[in-house]
Amino acid sequence: MKIATLAAILALGGCLGTTSPRAKADLFLGQHIFYASSWQPVEAGYFDGVRIWSGASQSVTWKDIEPTSGNFNFSLLDQHVANAKSRNMDVLYTLGQAPGWASARPAEQANMGKGAAAEPSDMSFWSRYVGTVAARYRGKISAYEVMNEPRIPEAILPYSPGFFSGSTDQLVHMTQLARDAIKAEDPNALVVCPPMDGGDLGVKRLDYFLSHGGGQYCDAIGFHFYLKTQTVAEFNTLLAGVRSAMVRNGVGNLPIWDTEIGVLVAQSGTNVVPRSPSGALSTVLDEKDAAALMLKLVLASQVGGIARTYWFAHDSSSMGSTQPNKTVGALNQLGVAYIQAKEWLNDKQPLNCSINDGSTDCTLVSGNTPVARVSWSKTLTVTSLQQAGVQAVWLLNGERQNLAGMSNATLATLTRNFADPVYLVLQD
């Protein structure tokens, strides 16, 4: 194979970060799917797996699956699991949301309805629910996430019951019971710790949960990396905070799963507008800008060693949607780019990359051989790229153009001066 030397490629790009290649090059990009009807146009290869939880009128939480004690209705979850498996997709199911009959506080208002956020009045109800699900889907659901964005009221003053209003000790106990029930029925299934939502408050909640011993019952640490500023810099800071909390509490060896991340996307519904004056829901991005940010964050995740990423959500009407309209089934530019990111980065290791918002030029290796580069905010010429062994430019919309015969003006127009991520294919 003829290819420019690694030293020459790194020297041209100025990629002088301190990160080393990951031990495992596989990239896992998942999605959320809310509605069973959304599966029909989804093809194998769109993403690696799905996180199944709630979906407004088509929810599959505990209260939906076991509406009365001992009477289970798996019809909707069966559809999701069957659709995922027929497309060779992994399934992550999020446990929780107590039915009224099992709730310790059935009259308590919460995000998912009265009583849903409370711990069960009898923990045997919880164990039965988890064990019944694990037995039914043995070998089909490969991972279970305990609860969604618990408040951890002892660490942060809660502003509402949210998705879990019990104590930290109760949540740790429920995590232990869930692990026992799951492993008894399906020893190969993984248990993901309760995912805290992004920002400093999320890190504080995680730290408190882990300090009470919750991490010992998990195979992975879940976290929701929602960003206030929509920047790689904030993502890197947040990831460092998560890792510090894990190390501080003796679980630094566990993998991190980003089980929710996303942005408001203009081309995902009708009249998508900001939902808050500040924070992750304060900005609506154009689909092209959302695609560019997504690729930067996915690469930062890969460099940072995050084992799995689940974008939120494929069939939303605003938040992170990869469709222009959930009733149509087509993909918007973010959806196309999400598939493209998998093709670009899977089975390759990012080498010596410093990922940031201002400028990045990252070499990707397969084995010990440089095969491509990902770059943005770089002013490079056709000549310099060719000298470094680049033969083609590949864009997030799937378009690929050879450098041979291309002018610098065309290159600049094509790549918008590398403001957006582009993939530089090296010579065979």
Protein backbone atom coordinates (compact mmCIF):
# COMPACT_ATOMS: atom_id res chain seq x y z
CA MET A 1 0.00 0.00 0.00
CA LYS A 2 1.39 3.40 -0.99
CA ILE A 3 0.67 6.07 1.56
CA ALA A 4 2.22 9.21 2.97
CA THR A 5 4.17 8.69 6.17
CA LEU A 6 2.37 9.21 9.45
CA ALA A 7 4.91 11.83 10.50
CA ALA A 8 4.26 13.87 7.36
CA ILE A 9 0.50 13.72 7.82
CA LEU A 10 0.67 14.81 11.45
CA ALA A 11 3.11 17.59 10.63
CA LEU A 12 0.84 18.98 7.93
CA GLY A 13 -2.27 18.94 10.13
CA GLY A 14 -0.58 20.16 13.28
CA CYS A 15 -2.46 17.49 15.24
CA LEU A 16 -0.35 17.56 18.39
CA GLY A 17 -2.77 16.51 21.12
CA THR A 18 -1.97 14.05 23.87
CA THR A 19 -4.59 11.36 23.29
CA SER A 20 -3.42 7.92 22.22
CA PRO A 21 -5.31 5.36 20.12
CA ARG A 22 -8.17 3.60 21.85
CA ALA A 23 -7.71 -0.04 22.69
CA LYS A 24 -10.87 -0.78 20.69
CA ALA A 25 -11.67 0.98 17.45
CA ASP A 26 -15.34 0.01 17.13
CA LEU A 27 -17.73 2.94 17.21
CA PHE A 28 -21.23 2.43 18.63
CA LEU A 29 -23.82 4.98 17.48
CA GLY A 30 -27.34 4.37 18.70
CA GLN A 31 -30.63 6.21 18.48
CA HIS A 32 -33.90 6.54 20.34
CA ILE A 33 -37.11 5.41 18.68
CA PHE A 34 -40.37 6.41 20.38
CA TYR A 35 -43.05 5.00 18.13
CA ALA A 36 -43.49 1.53 16.68
CA SER A 37 -44.72 3.11 13.45
CA SER A 38 -41.34 4.81 12.99
CA TRP A 39 -39.56 1.52 12.30
CA GLN A 40 -40.94 0.84 8.82
CA PRO A 41 -38.48 3.00 6.82
CA VAL A 42 -35.50 2.33 9.13
CA GLU A 43 -32.86 0.23 7.42
CA ALA A 44 -30.20 -2.00 8.92
CA GLY A 45 -27.07 0.10 9.25
CA TYR A 46 -28.85 3.35 10.07
CA PHE A 47 -27.49 2.93 13.58
CA ASP A 48 -26.05 0.22 15.82
CA GLY A 49 -28.73 0.04 18.45
CA VAL A 50 -31.77 1.67 20.03
CA ARG A 51 -32.66 2.91 23.48
CA ILE A 52 -36.28 2.10 24.18
CA TRP A 53 -38.13 3.92 26.92
CA SER A 54 -41.03 6.34 26.56
CA GLY A 55 -42.94 7.69 23.61
CA ALA A 56 -45.87 9.78 24.73
CA SER A 57 -48.89 7.73 23.63
CA GLN A 58 -46.67 4.71 22.92
CA SER A 59 -44.73 4.37 26.14
CA VAL A 60 -43.17 1.12 27.39
CA THR A 61 -42.31 2.07 30.96
CA TRP A 62 -43.16 -0.09 33.96
CA LYS A 63 -46.54 1.59 34.44
CA ASP A 64 -47.44 0.78 30.82
CA ILE A 65 -46.17 -2.81 30.87
CA GLU A 66 -47.76 -3.78 34.21
CA PRO A 67 -50.83 -1.53 34.59
CA THR A 68 -52.29 -3.79 37.28
CA SER A 69 -50.40 -6.05 39.65
CA GLY A 70 -49.13 -9.18 37.92
CA ASN A 71 -50.84 -8.43 34.61
CA PHE A 72 -48.23 -7.66 31.95
CA ASN A 73 -48.77 -6.25 28.46
CA PHE A 74 -45.70 -6.64 26.29
CA SER A 75 -47.31 -6.05 22.89
CA LEU A 76 -45.62 -2.71 22.17
CA LEU A 77 -42.21 -3.62 23.60
CA ASP A 78 -42.37 -6.88 21.61
CA GLN A 79 -42.75 -4.81 18.44
CA HIS A 80 -39.77 -2.63 19.25
CA VAL A 81 -37.53 -5.56 20.11
CA ALA A 82 -38.57 -7.56 17.04
CA ASN A 83 -37.99 -4.56 14.75
CA ALA A 84 -34.58 -3.93 16.23
CA LYS A 85 -33.43 -7.54 16.05
CA SER A 86 -34.62 -7.91 12.45
CA ARG A 87 -32.24 -5.05 11.60
CA ASN A 88 -29.36 -6.49 13.65
CA MET A 89 -29.61 -3.67 16.18
CA ASP A 90 -28.74 -3.91 19.84
CA VAL A 91 -31.48 -3.00 22.36
CA LEU A 92 -31.06 -0.93 25.53
CA TYR A 93 -34.22 -0.78 27.67
CA THR A 94 -34.67 1.82 30.41
CA LEU A 95 -36.35 0.48 33.55
CA GLY A 96 -38.62 2.51 35.79
CA GLN A 97 -41.73 4.69 36.23
CA ALA A 98 -43.87 2.97 38.84
CA PRO A 99 -47.52 2.17 38.14
CA GLY A 100 -49.96 3.74 40.59
CA TRP A 101 -50.72 0.47 42.34
CA ALA A 102 -47.01 -0.07 43.13
CA SER A 103 -46.04 3.53 43.90
CA ALA A 104 -45.05 4.67 47.38
CA ARG A 105 -46.67 8.04 46.59
CA PRO A 106 -49.44 7.41 44.05
CA ALA A 107 -50.80 10.98 44.23
CA GLU A 108 -47.41 12.66 43.61
CA GLN A 109 -47.28 14.67 40.38
CA ALA A 110 -44.28 13.78 38.18
CA ASN A 111 -42.99 13.96 34.63
CA MET A 112 -44.58 10.67 33.58
CA GLY A 113 -47.81 10.98 35.55
CA LYS A 114 -49.03 10.61 39.10
CA GLY A 115 -46.94 8.33 41.27
CA ALA A 116 -44.55 7.32 38.47
CA ALA A 117 -41.44 8.94 39.96
CA ALA A 118 -41.76 7.39 43.41
CA GLU A 119 -39.96 4.30 44.60
CA PRO A 120 -42.20 1.21 44.89
CA SER A 121 -44.11 0.72 48.11
CA ASP A 122 -42.77 -2.84 48.18
CA MET A 123 -39.41 -3.60 46.57
CA SER A 124 -40.58 -7.09 45.64
CA PHE A 125 -42.83 -5.43 43.05
CA TRP A 126 -39.73 -3.93 41.42
CA SER A 127 -37.81 -7.21 41.42
CA ARG A 128 -40.75 -9.05 39.85
CA TYR A 129 -41.12 -6.46 37.08
CA VAL A 130 -37.40 -6.44 36.24
CA GLY A 131 -37.09 -10.22 36.41
CA THR A 132 -40.16 -10.75 34.22
CA VAL A 133 -38.79 -8.41 31.53
CA ALA A 134 -35.32 -9.98 31.65
CA ALA A 135 -36.74 -13.49 31.34
CA ARG A 136 -38.98 -12.60 28.40
CA TYR A 137 -36.22 -10.88 26.46
CA ARG A 138 -33.29 -13.12 27.36
CA GLY A 139 -30.75 -12.79 24.55
CA LYS A 140 -32.84 -10.08 22.85
CA ILE A 141 -32.40 -7.08 25.13
CA SER A 142 -28.68 -6.88 25.79
CA ALA A 143 -28.61 -4.02 28.30
CA TYR A 144 -30.86 -2.48 30.93
CA GLU A 145 -30.62 1.08 32.24
CA VAL A 146 -31.88 1.70 35.76
CA MET A 147 -34.23 4.69 35.76
CA ASN A 148 -33.92 7.91 33.75
CA GLU A 149 -32.36 11.14 35.06
CA PRO A 150 -33.04 10.67 38.79
CA ARG A 151 -33.05 13.88 40.81
CA ILE A 152 -30.78 12.71 43.71
CA PRO A 153 -32.50 15.19 46.07
CA GLU A 154 -29.86 14.94 48.81
CA ALA A 155 -27.22 16.32 46.43
CA ILE A 156 -29.25 18.93 44.50
CA LEU A 157 -32.41 20.64 45.70
CA PRO A 158 -35.05 19.18 43.33
CA TYR A 159 -37.33 21.54 41.43
CA SER A 160 -39.85 18.79 40.70
CA PRO A 161 -40.20 15.03 41.30
CA GLY A 162 -38.98 14.52 37.74
CA PHE A 163 -38.46 10.87 36.78
CA PHE A 164 -37.40 9.59 40.21
CA SER A 165 -38.18 11.25 43.54
CA GLY A 166 -36.97 8.61 45.97
CA SER A 167 -33.81 8.79 48.06
CA THR A 168 -30.32 7.97 46.85
CA ASP A 169 -30.13 4.94 49.13
CA GLN A 170 -33.40 3.67 47.68
CA LEU A 171 -32.05 4.15 44.15
CA VAL A 172 -28.85 2.28 45.02
CA HIS A 173 -30.94 -0.54 46.48
CA MET A 174 -33.13 -0.65 43.37
CA THR A 175 -30.00 -0.80 41.21
CA GLN A 176 -28.75 -3.75 43.25
CA LEU A 177 -32.11 -5.52 43.03
CA ALA A 178 -32.29 -4.87 39.28
CA ARG A 179 -28.84 -6.34 38.77
CA ASP A 180 -29.74 -9.43 40.82
CA ALA A 181 -32.99 -9.98 38.87
CA ILE A 182 -31.41 -9.39 35.45
CA LYS A 183 -28.35 -11.56 36.00
CA ALA A 184 -30.50 -14.37 37.38
CA GLU A 185 -32.50 -14.49 34.15
CA ASP A 186 -29.90 -13.36 31.60
CA PRO A 187 -26.30 -13.45 32.87
CA ASN A 188 -24.99 -11.88 29.66
CA ALA A 189 -27.17 -8.79 29.87
CA LEU A 190 -25.49 -5.57 31.02
CA VAL A 191 -26.68 -3.19 33.72
CA VAL A 192 -26.21 0.56 33.16
CA CYS A 193 -26.16 2.87 36.18
CA PRO A 194 -28.92 5.51 36.42
CA PRO A 195 -27.99 8.23 33.89
CA MET A 196 -27.74 11.73 35.32
CA ASP A 197 -28.50 14.67 33.05
CA GLY A 198 -25.74 16.94 31.76
CA GLY A 199 -23.90 19.84 33.32
CA ASP A 200 -22.33 20.40 36.73
CA LEU A 201 -25.52 19.35 38.48
CA GLY A 202 -25.47 16.03 36.65
CA VAL A 203 -21.89 15.40 37.73
CA LYS A 204 -22.80 16.22 41.34
CA ARG A 205 -25.73 13.78 41.19
CA LEU A 206 -23.48 11.08 39.73
CA ASP A 207 -20.83 11.68 42.37
CA TYR A 208 -23.40 11.39 45.16
CA PHE A 209 -24.91 8.21 43.74
CA LEU A 210 -21.49 6.60 43.33
CA SER A 211 -20.36 7.71 46.79
CA HIS A 212 -23.27 5.69 48.19
CA GLY A 213 -21.98 2.54 46.50
CA GLY A 214 -24.23 2.45 43.44
CA GLY A 215 -21.44 1.89 40.94
CA GLN A 216 -20.60 -1.59 42.22
CA TYR A 217 -23.84 -2.94 40.76
CA CYS A 218 -23.28 -1.61 37.22
CA ASP A 219 -21.46 -2.79 34.12
CA ALA A 220 -21.41 0.73 32.65
CA ILE A 221 -21.91 4.32 33.80
CA GLY A 222 -24.72 6.13 32.00
CA PHE A 223 -24.77 9.89 31.52
CA HIS A 224 -26.72 12.39 29.42
CA PHE A 225 -24.29 14.82 27.81
CA TYR A 226 -26.68 17.67 27.03
CA LEU A 227 -24.74 20.89 26.50
CA LYS A 228 -25.66 24.46 27.42
CA THR A 229 -23.29 26.02 24.90
CA GLN A 230 -23.35 23.31 22.19
CA THR A 231 -19.55 23.25 22.07
CA VAL A 232 -16.87 20.59 22.06
CA ALA A 233 -15.11 22.49 24.85
CA GLU A 234 -18.10 22.07 27.16
CA PHE A 235 -18.39 18.41 26.21
CA ASN A 236 -14.73 17.76 27.04
CA THR A 237 -15.10 19.54 30.39
CA LEU A 238 -18.22 17.56 31.23
CA LEU A 239 -16.58 14.26 30.28
CA ALA A 240 -13.59 15.10 32.49
CA GLY A 241 -15.98 15.77 35.38
CA VAL A 242 -17.73 12.42 34.87
CA ARG A 243 -14.42 10.57 34.78
CA SER A 244 -13.18 12.33 37.92
CA ALA A 245 -16.34 11.33 39.80
CA MET A 246 -15.90 7.73 38.67
CA VAL A 247 -12.24 7.57 39.69
CA ARG A 248 -12.98 9.27 43.01
CA ASN A 249 -15.52 6.55 43.79
CA GLY A 250 -13.54 3.53 42.66
CA VAL A 251 -15.29 2.77 39.35
CA GLY A 252 -12.90 4.49 36.94
CA ASN A 253 -12.50 1.23 35.05
CA LEU A 254 -16.13 1.06 33.93
CA PRO A 255 -17.13 2.14 30.40
CA ILE A 256 -19.16 5.33 29.91
CA TRP A 257 -22.36 5.22 27.87
CA ASP A 258 -23.79 8.50 26.62
CA THR A 259 -27.40 7.34 26.54
CA GLU A 260 -28.85 10.74 25.57
CA ILE A 261 -27.40 13.66 23.65
CA GLY A 262 -29.05 15.96 21.14
CA VAL A 263 -29.98 19.46 20.02
CA LEU A 264 -33.12 21.20 18.81
CA VAL A 265 -33.24 20.83 15.02
CA ALA A 266 -35.20 23.25 12.84
CA GLN A 267 -35.91 20.67 10.11
CA SER A 268 -37.56 18.10 12.36
CA GLY A 269 -41.12 19.31 12.70
CA THR A 270 -43.25 22.41 12.43
CA ASN A 271 -42.25 25.75 13.95
CA VAL A 272 -39.49 24.40 16.18
CA VAL A 273 -38.62 27.16 18.67
CA PRO A 274 -36.35 27.47 21.73
CA ARG A 275 -37.90 25.99 24.85
CA SER A 276 -35.96 27.96 27.45
CA PRO A 277 -34.01 31.25 27.62
CA SER A 278 -30.75 29.44 28.41
CA GLY A 279 -29.25 25.97 28.46
CA ALA A 280 -29.46 23.02 26.08
CA LEU A 281 -32.97 23.93 24.88
CA SER A 282 -32.27 27.59 24.20
CA THR A 283 -30.93 27.26 20.64
CA VAL A 284 -32.46 25.81 17.49
CA LEU A 285 -29.88 24.64 14.96
CA ASP A 286 -30.24 24.30 11.21
CA GLU A 287 -29.94 20.68 10.11
CA LYS A 288 -26.56 21.34 8.48
CA ASP A 289 -25.15 22.99 11.59
CA ALA A 290 -26.60 20.21 13.73
CA ALA A 291 -24.86 17.66 11.51
CA ALA A 292 -21.51 19.44 11.84
CA LEU A 293 -21.80 19.67 15.63
CA MET A 294 -22.87 16.03 15.85
CA LEU A 295 -19.78 14.83 13.97
CA LYS A 296 -17.49 16.93 16.17
CA LEU A 297 -19.09 15.54 19.33
CA VAL A 298 -18.98 11.96 18.05
CA LEU A 299 -15.28 12.29 17.28
CA ALA A 300 -14.68 13.91 20.69
CA SER A 301 -16.56 10.97 22.25
CA GLN A 302 -14.39 8.48 20.38
CA VAL A 303 -11.20 10.26 21.38
CA GLY A 304 -12.49 10.54 24.95
CA GLY A 305 -13.17 6.82 25.16
CA ILE A 306 -16.97 6.86 25.42
CA ALA A 307 -18.11 3.33 24.61
CA ARG A 308 -21.60 4.09 23.30
CA THR A 309 -23.53 7.14 22.11
CA TYR A 310 -27.32 7.26 21.72
CA TRP A 311 -28.59 10.34 19.86
CA PHE A 312 -31.94 11.68 21.05
CA ALA A 313 -34.14 11.09 19.10
CA HIS A 314 -34.84 9.65 15.65
CA ASP A 315 -38.59 10.30 15.63
CA SER A 316 -38.85 13.35 17.84
CA SER A 317 -40.62 16.41 16.48
CA SER A 318 -37.80 18.70 17.56
CA MET A 319 -35.13 17.35 19.89
CA GLY A 320 -32.27 15.85 17.93
CA SER A 321 -34.57 14.47 15.28
CA THR A 322 -32.94 12.85 12.28
CA GLN A 323 -36.12 13.15 10.23
CA PRO A 324 -37.71 16.28 8.70
CA ASN A 325 -41.11 14.99 9.75
CA LYS A 326 -41.70 11.87 11.81
CA THR A 327 -44.75 10.95 9.72
CA VAL A 328 -42.76 10.91 6.45
CA GLY A 329 -39.89 8.55 7.27
CA ALA A 330 -37.22 10.38 5.25
CA LEU A 331 -33.93 11.54 6.73
CA ASN A 332 -32.91 15.17 7.15
CA GLN A 333 -29.26 16.23 6.76
CA LEU A 334 -28.56 15.35 10.39
CA GLY A 335 -29.90 11.85 9.79
CA VAL A 336 -27.74 11.37 6.71
CA ALA A 337 -24.71 12.68 8.61
CA TYR A 338 -25.33 10.33 11.54
CA ILE A 339 -25.13 7.35 9.19
CA GLN A 340 -22.09 8.93 7.53
CA ALA A 341 -20.31 9.34 10.88
CA LYS A 342 -20.52 5.59 11.45
CA GLU A 343 -19.06 4.88 8.02
CA TRP A 344 -16.27 7.41 8.51
CA LEU A 345 -15.13 6.46 11.98
CA ASN A 346 -15.94 2.82 12.65
CA ASP A 347 -13.03 0.35 12.84
CA LYS A 348 -10.55 3.21 12.94
CA GLN A 349 -8.62 4.74 15.80
CA PRO A 350 -8.14 8.50 16.18
CA LEU A 351 -4.44 9.12 16.74
CA ASN A 352 -2.94 12.05 18.69
CA CYS A 353 -6.00 14.22 18.27
CA SER A 354 -6.86 17.34 20.20
CA ILE A 355 -10.55 17.86 19.52
CA ASN A 356 -11.84 21.41 19.96
CA ASP A 357 -14.27 23.86 18.40
CA GLY A 358 -11.77 26.17 16.76
CA SER A 359 -9.59 23.84 14.74
CA THR A 360 -9.02 20.11 14.43
CA ASP A 361 -7.15 17.87 12.06
CA CYS A 362 -7.25 14.28 13.24
CA THR A 363 -5.56 11.26 11.69
CA LEU A 364 -7.43 7.95 11.69
CA VAL A 365 -5.54 4.68 11.61
CA SER A 366 -6.57 1.13 10.84
CA GLY A 367 -4.12 -1.16 12.54
CA ASN A 368 -0.90 0.81 12.21
CA THR A 369 -1.80 2.36 8.86
CA PRO A 370 -3.12 5.91 8.44
CA VAL A 371 -6.22 5.69 6.24
CA ALA A 372 -7.98 9.04 6.57
CA ARG A 373 -8.19 12.36 8.34
CA VAL A 374 -11.08 14.36 9.76
CA SER A 375 -10.61 18.11 9.64
CA TRP A 376 -12.43 21.36 10.30
CA SER A 377 -11.54 25.05 10.47
CA LYS A 378 -8.33 24.44 8.53
CA THR A 379 -7.11 26.41 5.55
CA LEU A 380 -5.46 23.78 3.38
CA THR A 381 -4.62 23.77 -0.30
CA VAL A 382 -5.09 21.09 -2.91
CA THR A 383 -1.30 20.85 -3.27
CA SER A 384 -0.64 20.42 0.45
CA LEU A 385 -3.35 17.79 0.73
CA GLN A 386 -2.00 15.84 -2.23
CA GLN A 387 1.51 16.02 -0.79
CA ALA A 388 0.16 14.47 2.39
CA GLY A 389 -1.38 11.58 0.48
CA VAL A 390 -4.97 12.80 0.35
CA GLN A 391 -6.83 11.66 -2.74
CA ALA A 392 -10.43 12.67 -2.06
CA VAL A 393 -12.66 14.88 0.05
CA TRP A 394 -15.77 13.33 1.56
CA LEU A 395 -18.59 15.49 2.95
CA LEU A 396 -21.17 14.78 5.65
CA ASN A 397 -23.97 14.76 3.07
CA GLY A 398 -22.33 11.72 1.48
CA GLU A 399 -20.79 13.60 -1.45
CA ARG A 400 -17.24 12.57 -2.36
CA GLN A 401 -14.94 14.36 -4.79
CA ASN A 402 -11.43 13.51 -5.93
CA LEU A 403 -8.71 16.11 -5.50
CA ALA A 404 -7.25 15.42 -8.94
CA GLY A 405 -7.94 18.46 -11.12
CA MET A 406 -9.62 20.41 -8.32
CA SER A 407 -8.75 24.09 -7.81
CA ASN A 408 -8.15 25.74 -4.44
CA ALA A 409 -11.22 27.91 -5.01
CA THR A 410 -13.37 24.83 -5.60
CA LEU A 411 -11.91 23.17 -2.52
CA ALA A 412 -12.64 26.23 -0.37
CA THR A 413 -16.20 26.45 -1.65
CA LEU A 414 -16.76 22.74 -1.26
CA THR A 415 -15.57 22.65 2.32
CA ARG A 416 -16.51 26.17 3.44
CA ASN A 417 -12.85 26.64 4.36
CA PHE A 418 -13.13 23.52 6.54
CA ALA A 419 -15.51 25.20 8.98
CA ASP A 420 -17.57 21.99 8.84
CA PRO A 421 -16.04 18.55 9.34
CA VAL A 422 -14.75 16.90 6.19
CA TYR A 423 -13.22 13.48 5.70
CA LEU A 424 -9.96 13.34 3.78
CA VAL A 425 -9.40 9.97 2.12
CA LEU A 426 -5.77 8.93 1.87
CA GLN A 427 -4.25 7.14 -1.12
CA ASP A 428 -4.41 3.36 -1.36
